[in-house]
PDB file of N, CA and C in Angstrom:
ATOM      1  N   MET A   1     142.688  96.236  34.100  1.00  0.00           N
ATOM      2  CA  MET A   1     141.334  96.452  34.877  1.00  0.00           C
ATOM      3  C   MET A   1     141.552  96.888  36.188  1.00  0.00           C
ATOM      4  N   ARG A   2     140.777  97.860  36.702  1.00  0.00           N
ATOM      5  CA  ARG A   2     140.963  98.450  37.959  1.00  0.00           C
ATOM      6  C   ARG A   2     139.755  98.121  38.884  1.00  0.00           C
ATOM      7  N   ILE A   3     140.055  97.648  39.958  1.00  0.00           N
ATOM      8  CA  ILE A   3     138.962  97.256  40.884  1.00  0.00           C
ATOM      9  C   ILE A   3     138.887  98.367  42.024  1.00  0.00           C
ATOM     10  N   ASP A   4     137.717  98.981  42.154  1.00  0.00           N
ATOM     11  CA  ASP A   4     137.537  99.984  43.063  1.00  0.00           C
ATOM     12  C   ASP A   4     136.821  99.454  44.359  1.00  0.00           C
ATOM     13  N   MET A   5     137.344  99.831  45.440  1.00  0.00           N
ATOM     14  CA  MET A   5     136.532  99.458  46.694  1.00  0.00           C
ATOM     15  C   MET A   5     135.259 100.088  46.783  1.00  0.00           C
ATOM     16  N   ASP A   6     134.390  99.632  47.475  1.00  0.00           N
ATOM     17  CA  ASP A   6     132.993 100.258  47.658  1.00  0.00           C
ATOM     18  C   ASP A   6     133.240 101.435  48.466  1.00  0.00           C
ATOM     19  N   LYS A   7     132.639 102.484  47.920  1.00  0.00           N
ATOM     20  CA  LYS A   7     132.889 103.797  48.685  1.00  0.00           C
ATOM     21  C   LYS A   7     132.132 103.879  49.938  1.00  0.00           C
ATOM     22  N   ASP A   8     131.106 103.111  50.100  1.00  0.00           N
ATOM     23  CA  ASP A   8     130.263 103.124  51.272  1.00  0.00           C
ATOM     24  C   ASP A   8     130.819 102.166  52.337  1.00  0.00           C
ATOM     25  N   LYS A   9     131.699 101.244  52.009  1.00  0.00           N
ATOM     26  CA  LYS A   9     132.317 100.363  52.900  1.00  0.00           C
ATOM     27  C   LYS A   9     133.466 100.954  53.659  1.00  0.00           C
ATOM     28  N   GLN A  10     133.294 101.292  54.936  1.00  0.00           N
ATOM     29  CA  GLN A  10     134.290 101.887  55.648  1.00  0.00           C
ATOM     30  C   GLN A  10     134.959 100.795  56.535  1.00  0.00           C
ATOM     31  N   PRO A  11     136.287 101.080  56.928  1.00  0.00           N
ATOM     32  CA  PRO A  11     137.013 100.105  57.721  1.00  0.00           C
ATOM     33  C   PRO A  11     136.337 100.128  59.222  1.00  0.00           C
ATOM     34  N   ASP A  12     136.559  99.029  59.763  1.00  0.00           N
ATOM     35  CA  ASP A  12     135.772  98.843  61.158  1.00  0.00           C
ATOM     36  C   ASP A  12     136.572  99.869  62.090  1.00  0.00           C
ATOM     37  N   PRO A  13     135.724 100.831  62.676  1.00  0.00           N
ATOM     38  CA  PRO A  13     136.480 101.863  63.536  1.00  0.00           C
ATOM     39  C   PRO A  13     136.965 101.278  64.938  1.00  0.00           C
ATOM     40  N   THR A  14     136.343 100.150  65.298  1.00  0.00           N
ATOM     41  CA  THR A  14     136.819  99.563  66.612  1.00  0.00           C
ATOM     42  C   THR A  14     138.241  99.011  66.476  1.00  0.00           C
ATOM     43  N   ARG A  15     138.459  98.545  65.363  1.00  0.00           N
ATOM     44  CA  ARG A  15     139.765  97.928  65.053  1.00  0.00           C
ATOM     45  C   ARG A  15     140.828  99.101  65.038  1.00  0.00           C
ATOM     46  N   ARG A  16     140.529 100.067  64.389  1.00  0.00           N
ATOM     47  CA  ARG A  16     141.421 101.264  64.440  1.00  0.00           C
ATOM     48  C   ARG A  16     141.667 101.778  65.894  1.00  0.00           C
ATOM     49  N   SER A  17     140.596 102.074  66.560  1.00  0.00           N
ATOM     50  CA  SER A  17     140.761 102.512  67.967  1.00  0.00           C
ATOM     51  C   SER A  17     141.536 101.517  68.857  1.00  0.00           C
ATOM     52  N   LEU A  18     141.431 100.274  68.583  1.00  0.00           N
ATOM     53  CA  LEU A  18     142.192  99.333  69.355  1.00  0.00           C
ATOM     54  C   LEU A  18     143.731  99.545  68.975  1.00  0.00           C
ATOM     55  N   LEU A  19     144.022  99.654  67.648  1.00  0.00           N
ATOM     56  CA  LEU A  19     145.361  99.837  67.293  1.00  0.00           C
ATOM     57  C   LEU A  19     146.031 101.213  67.761  1.00  0.00           C
ATOM     58  N   LYS A  20     145.158 102.119  67.852  1.00  0.00           N
ATOM     59  CA  LYS A  20     145.606 103.480  68.432  1.00  0.00           C
ATOM     60  C   LYS A  20     145.846 103.385  69.941  1.00  0.00           C
ATOM     61  N   ALA A  21     145.010 102.690  70.628  1.00  0.00           N
ATOM     62  CA  ALA A  21     145.153 102.590  72.121  1.00  0.00           C
ATOM     63  C   ALA A  21     146.219 101.654  72.527  1.00  0.00           C
ATOM     64  N   PHE A  22     146.725 100.721  71.765  1.00  0.00           N
ATOM     65  CA  PHE A  22     147.615  99.836  72.133  1.00  0.00           C
ATOM     66  C   PHE A  22     148.881 100.363  72.734  1.00  0.00           C
ATOM     67  N   PRO A  23     149.597 101.315  72.123  1.00  0.00           N
ATOM     68  CA  PRO A  23     150.747 101.959  72.616  1.00  0.00           C
ATOM     69  C   PRO A  23     150.622 102.637  73.989  1.00  0.00           C
ATOM     70  N   LEU A  24     149.377 103.266  74.110  1.00  0.00           N
ATOM     71  CA  LEU A  24     149.110 103.812  75.566  1.00  0.00           C
ATOM     72  C   LEU A  24     148.852 102.800  76.526  1.00  0.00           C
ATOM     73  N   GLY A  25     148.389 101.663  76.263  1.00  0.00           N
ATOM     74  CA  GLY A  25     148.207 100.541  77.126  1.00  0.00           C
ATOM     75  C   GLY A  25     149.531 100.019  77.561  1.00  0.00           C
ATOM     76  N   ALA A  26     150.391  99.827  76.547  1.00  0.00           N
ATOM     77  CA  ALA A  26     151.719  99.363  76.870  1.00  0.00           C
ATOM     78  C   ALA A  26     152.626 100.324  77.798  1.00  0.00           C
ATOM     79  N   LEU A  27     152.323 101.651  77.496  1.00  0.00           N
ATOM     80  CA  LEU A  27     153.070 102.667  78.263  1.00  0.00           C
ATOM     81  C   LEU A  27     152.479 102.670  79.754  1.00  0.00           C
ATOM     82  N   ALA A  28     151.110 102.267  79.929  1.00  0.00           N
ATOM     83  CA  ALA A  28     150.606 102.336  81.233  1.00  0.00           C
ATOM     84  C   ALA A  28     151.129 101.098  82.000  1.00  0.00           C
ATOM     85  N   VAL A  29     151.244  99.930  81.312  1.00  0.00           N
ATOM     86  CA  VAL A  29     151.665  98.782  81.979  1.00  0.00           C
ATOM     87  C   VAL A  29     153.103  98.949  82.369  1.00  0.00           C
ATOM     88  N   ALA A  30     154.032  99.529  81.671  1.00  0.00           N
ATOM     89  CA  ALA A  30     155.461  99.786  82.010  1.00  0.00           C
ATOM     90  C   ALA A  30     155.588 100.698  83.080  1.00  0.00           C
ATOM     91  N   ALA A  31     154.715 101.804  83.118  1.00  0.00           N
ATOM     92  CA  ALA A  31     154.723 102.825  84.268  1.00  0.00           C
ATOM     93  C   ALA A  31     154.282 102.059  85.487  1.00  0.00           C
ATOM     94  N   ALA A  32     153.243 101.263  85.388  1.00  0.00           N
ATOM     95  CA  ALA A  32     152.861 100.526  86.686  1.00  0.00           C
ATOM     96  C   ALA A  32     153.932  99.526  87.101  1.00  0.00           C
ATOM     97  N   ALA A  33     154.605  98.832  86.240  1.00  0.00           N
ATOM     98  CA  ALA A  33     155.595  97.969  86.720  1.00  0.00           C
ATOM     99  C   ALA A  33     156.736  98.623  87.322  1.00  0.00           C
ATOM    100  N   ARG A  34     157.064  99.792  86.836  1.00  0.00           N
ATOM    101  CA  ARG A  34     158.164 100.625  87.372  1.00  0.00           C
ATOM    102  C   ARG A  34     157.815 101.150  88.816  1.00  0.00           C
ATOM    103  N   ALA A  35     156.454 101.578  88.898  1.00  0.00           N
ATOM    104  CA  ALA A  35     156.088 102.104  90.292  1.00  0.00           C
ATOM    105  C   ALA A  35     155.948 101.044  91.348  1.00  0.00           C
ATOM    106  N   ARG A  36     155.732  99.840  90.890  1.00  0.00           N
ATOM    107  CA  ARG A  36     155.706  98.620  91.865  1.00  0.00           C
ATOM    108  C   ARG A  36     156.971  98.187  92.134  1.00  0.00           C
ATOM    109  N   ALA A  37     157.936  98.383  91.362  1.00  0.00           N
ATOM    110  CA  ALA A  37     159.368  97.823  91.681  1.00  0.00           C
ATOM    111  C   ALA A  37     159.870  98.471  92.870  1.00  0.00           C
ATOM    112  N   PRO A  38     160.468  97.411  93.753  1.00  0.00           N
ATOM    113  CA  PRO A  38     161.103  98.047  95.027  1.00  0.00           C
ATOM    114  C   PRO A  38     162.291  98.891  94.708  1.00  0.00           C
ATOM    115  N   GLU A  39     162.534  99.768  95.484  1.00  0.00           N
ATOM    116  CA  GLU A  39     163.826 100.771  95.174  1.00  0.00           C
ATOM    117  C   GLU A  39     164.923  99.981  95.652  1.00  0.00           C
ATOM    118  N   SER A  40     165.900  99.848  94.789  1.00  0.00           N
ATOM    119  CA  SER A  40     167.227  99.243  95.209  1.00  0.00           C
ATOM    120  C   SER A  40     168.068 100.095  96.070  1.00  0.00           C
ATOM    121  N   GLN A  41     168.858  99.502  96.721  1.00  0.00           N
ATOM    122  CA  GLN A  41     169.774 100.111  97.630  1.00  0.00           C
ATOM    123  C   GLN A  41     170.923 100.579  96.881  1.00  0.00           C
ATOM    124  N   PRO A  42     171.522 101.756  97.123  1.00  0.00           N
ATOM    125  CA  PRO A  42     172.645 102.291  96.370  1.00  0.00           C
ATOM    126  C   PRO A  42     173.852 101.338  96.744  1.00  0.00           C
ATOM    127  N   PRO A  43     174.731 101.181  95.689  1.00  0.00           N
ATOM    128  CA  PRO A  43     175.856 100.180  95.924  1.00  0.00           C
ATOM    129  C   PRO A  43     176.855 100.712  96.941  1.00  0.00           C
ATOM    130  N   ALA A  44     177.317  99.905  97.728  1.00  0.00           N
ATOM    131  CA  ALA A  44     178.214 100.180  98.754  1.00  0.00           C
ATOM    132  C   ALA A  44     179.526 100.834  98.123  1.00  0.00           C
ATOM    133  N   ALA A  45     180.215 101.783  98.771  1.00  0.00           N
ATOM    134  CA  ALA A  45     181.406 102.293  98.274  1.00  0.00           C
ATOM    135  C   ALA A  45     182.466 101.221  98.370  1.00  0.00           C
ATOM    136  N   PRO A  46     183.238 101.020  97.281  1.00  0.00           N
ATOM    137  CA  PRO A  46     184.286 100.001  97.352  1.00  0.00           C
ATOM    138  C   PRO A  46     185.426 100.416  98.170  1.00  0.00           C
ATOM    139  N   GLU A  47     185.972  99.557  98.808  1.00  0.00           N
ATOM    140  CA  GLU A  47     187.110  99.771  99.740  1.00  0.00           C
ATOM    141  C   GLU A  47     188.305 100.331  99.003  1.00  0.00           C
ATOM    142  N   PRO A  48     188.929 101.385  99.428  1.00  0.00           N
ATOM    143  CA  PRO A  48     190.128 101.920  98.604  1.00  0.00           C
ATOM    144  C   PRO A  48     191.203 100.894  98.728  1.00  0.00           C
ATOM    145  N   GLU A  49     191.839 100.548  97.592  1.00  0.00           N
ATOM    146  CA  GLU A  49     192.936  99.758  97.578  1.00  0.00           C
ATOM    147  C   GLU A  49     194.267 100.486  97.579  1.00  0.00           C
ATOM    148  N   SER A  50     195.277  99.901  98.067  1.00  0.00           N
ATOM    149  CA  SER A  50     196.562 100.589  98.035  1.00  0.00           C
ATOM    150  C   SER A  50     197.117 100.558  96.724  1.00  0.00           C
ATOM    151  N   GLN A  51     197.995 101.524  96.360  1.00  0.00           N
ATOM    152  CA  GLN A  51     198.556 101.662  95.092  1.00  0.00           C
ATOM    153  C   GLN A  51     199.296 100.406  94.568  1.00  0.00           C
ATOM    154  N   ALA A  52     200.006  99.731  95.654  1.00  0.00           N
ATOM    155  CA  ALA A  52     200.836  98.562  95.291  1.00  0.00           C
ATOM    156  C   ALA A  52     200.030  97.408  94.794  1.00  0.00           C
ATOM    157  N   SER A  53     198.760  97.269  95.221  1.00  0.00           N
ATOM    158  CA  SER A  53     198.008  96.119  94.761  1.00  0.00           C
ATOM    159  C   SER A  53     197.137  96.330  93.498  1.00  0.00           C
ATOM    160  N   ARG A  54     197.265  97.476  92.770  1.00  0.00           N
ATOM    161  CA  ARG A  54     196.644  97.745  91.642  1.00  0.00           C
ATOM    162  C   ARG A  54     197.408  97.530  90.450  1.00  0.00           C
ATOM    163  N   GLY A  55     196.970  96.952  89.257  1.00  0.00           N
ATOM    164  CA  GLY A  55     197.656  96.698  88.069  1.00  0.00           C
ATOM    165  C   GLY A  55     198.513  95.463  88.197  1.00  0.00           C
ATOM    166  N   TYR A  56     199.433  95.457  87.260  1.00  0.00           N
ATOM    167  CA  TYR A  56     200.325  94.194  87.119  1.00  0.00           C
ATOM    168  C   TYR A  56     201.408  94.340  88.199  1.00  0.00           C
ATOM    169  N   HIS A  57     201.684  93.291  88.909  1.00  0.00           N
ATOM    170  CA  HIS A  57     202.771  93.136  89.772  1.00  0.00           C
ATOM    171  C   HIS A  57     203.203  91.739  89.788  1.00  0.00           C
ATOM    172  N   GLU A  58     204.572  91.639  89.750  1.00  0.00           N
ATOM    173  CA  GLU A  58     205.065  90.334  89.534  1.00  0.00           C
ATOM    174  C   GLU A  58     205.272  89.623  90.969  1.00  0.00           C
ATOM    175  N   THR A  59     204.672  88.516  91.115  1.00  0.00           N
ATOM    176  CA  THR A  59     204.763  87.765  92.316  1.00  0.00           C
ATOM    177  C   THR A  59     205.472  86.424  92.064  1.00  0.00           C
ATOM    178  N   GLU A  60     205.666  85.749  93.140  1.00  0.00           N
ATOM    179  CA  GLU A  60     206.417  84.419  92.973  1.00  0.00           C
ATOM    180  C   GLU A  60     205.822  83.532  92.018  1.00  0.00           C
ATOM    181  N   HIS A  61     204.480  83.311  92.094  1.00  0.00           N
ATOM    182  CA  HIS A  61     203.842  82.345  91.271  1.00  0.00           C
ATOM    183  C   HIS A  61     203.909  82.816  89.769  1.00  0.00           C
ATOM    184  N   ILE A  62     204.021  84.067  89.564  1.00  0.00           N
ATOM    185  CA  ILE A  62     204.192  84.574  88.183  1.00  0.00           C
ATOM    186  C   ILE A  62     205.631  84.384  87.692  1.00  0.00           C
ATOM    187  N   ARG A  63     206.636  84.546  88.640  1.00  0.00           N
ATOM    188  CA  ARG A  63     207.989  84.210  88.163  1.00  0.00           C
ATOM    189  C   ARG A  63     208.205  82.708  87.917  1.00  0.00           C
ATOM    190  N   ARG A  64     207.551  81.868  88.749  1.00  0.00           N
ATOM    191  CA  ARG A  64     207.570  80.421  88.576  1.00  0.00           C
ATOM    192  C   ARG A  64     206.987  80.021  87.136  1.00  0.00           C
ATOM    193  N   TYR A  65     205.939  80.760  86.731  1.00  0.00           N
ATOM    194  CA  TYR A  65     205.351  80.490  85.387  1.00  0.00           C
ATOM    195  C   TYR A  65     206.213  80.867  84.430  1.00  0.00           C
ATOM    196  N   TYR A  66     206.849  82.092  84.526  1.00  0.00           N
ATOM    197  CA  TYR A  66     207.925  82.456  83.538  1.00  0.00           C
ATOM    198  C   TYR A  66     209.026  81.394  83.296  1.00  0.00           C
ATOM    199  N   ARG A  67     209.411  80.903  84.451  1.00  0.00           N
ATOM    200  CA  ARG A  67     210.591  79.945  84.366  1.00  0.00           C
ATOM    201  C   ARG A  67     210.038  78.553  83.676  1.00  0.00           C
ATOM    202  N   THR A  68     208.962  78.107  84.024  1.00  0.00           N
ATOM    203  CA  THR A  68     208.468  76.819  83.318  1.00  0.00           C
ATOM    204  C   THR A  68     208.025  77.034  81.952  1.00  0.00           C
ATOM    205  N   ALA A  69     207.586  78.287  81.580  1.00  0.00           N
ATOM    206  CA  ALA A  69     207.303  78.534  80.222  1.00  0.00           C
ATOM    207  C   ALA A  69     208.408  78.915  79.352  1.00  0.00           C
ATOM    208  N   ALA A  70     209.665  78.909  79.947  1.00  0.00           N
ATOM    209  CA  ALA A  70     210.903  79.346  79.210  1.00  0.00           C
ATOM    210  C   ALA A  70     210.953  80.670  78.726  1.00  0.00           C
ATOM    211  N   TYR A  71     210.407  81.649  79.547  1.00  0.00           N
ATOM    212  CA  TYR A  71     210.614  82.999  79.216  1.00  0.00           C
ATOM    213  C   TYR A  71     212.033  83.623  79.661  1.00  0.00           C
ATOM    214  N   TRP A  72     212.501  82.931  80.646  1.00  0.00           N
ATOM    215  CA  TRP A  72     213.783  83.350  81.147  1.00  0.00           C
ATOM    216  C   TRP A  72     214.850  82.374  80.944  1.00  0.00           C
TER     217      TRP A  72
END
């Protein structure tokens, strides 16, 4: 048995217009929030490090660890 909807009964147009307007409202809120956000300062340039201080370098406390961990 097949049940047909009444042909004269239409969906509520206000509900459909609300659902259509929702993404636009969300976009407007996001744009307003971005416009009100204070501009951040650019990050300060990092100080140049010498080549000797970059990467792995063996220091006295590392040598002491190797001795206590029985690596040598």
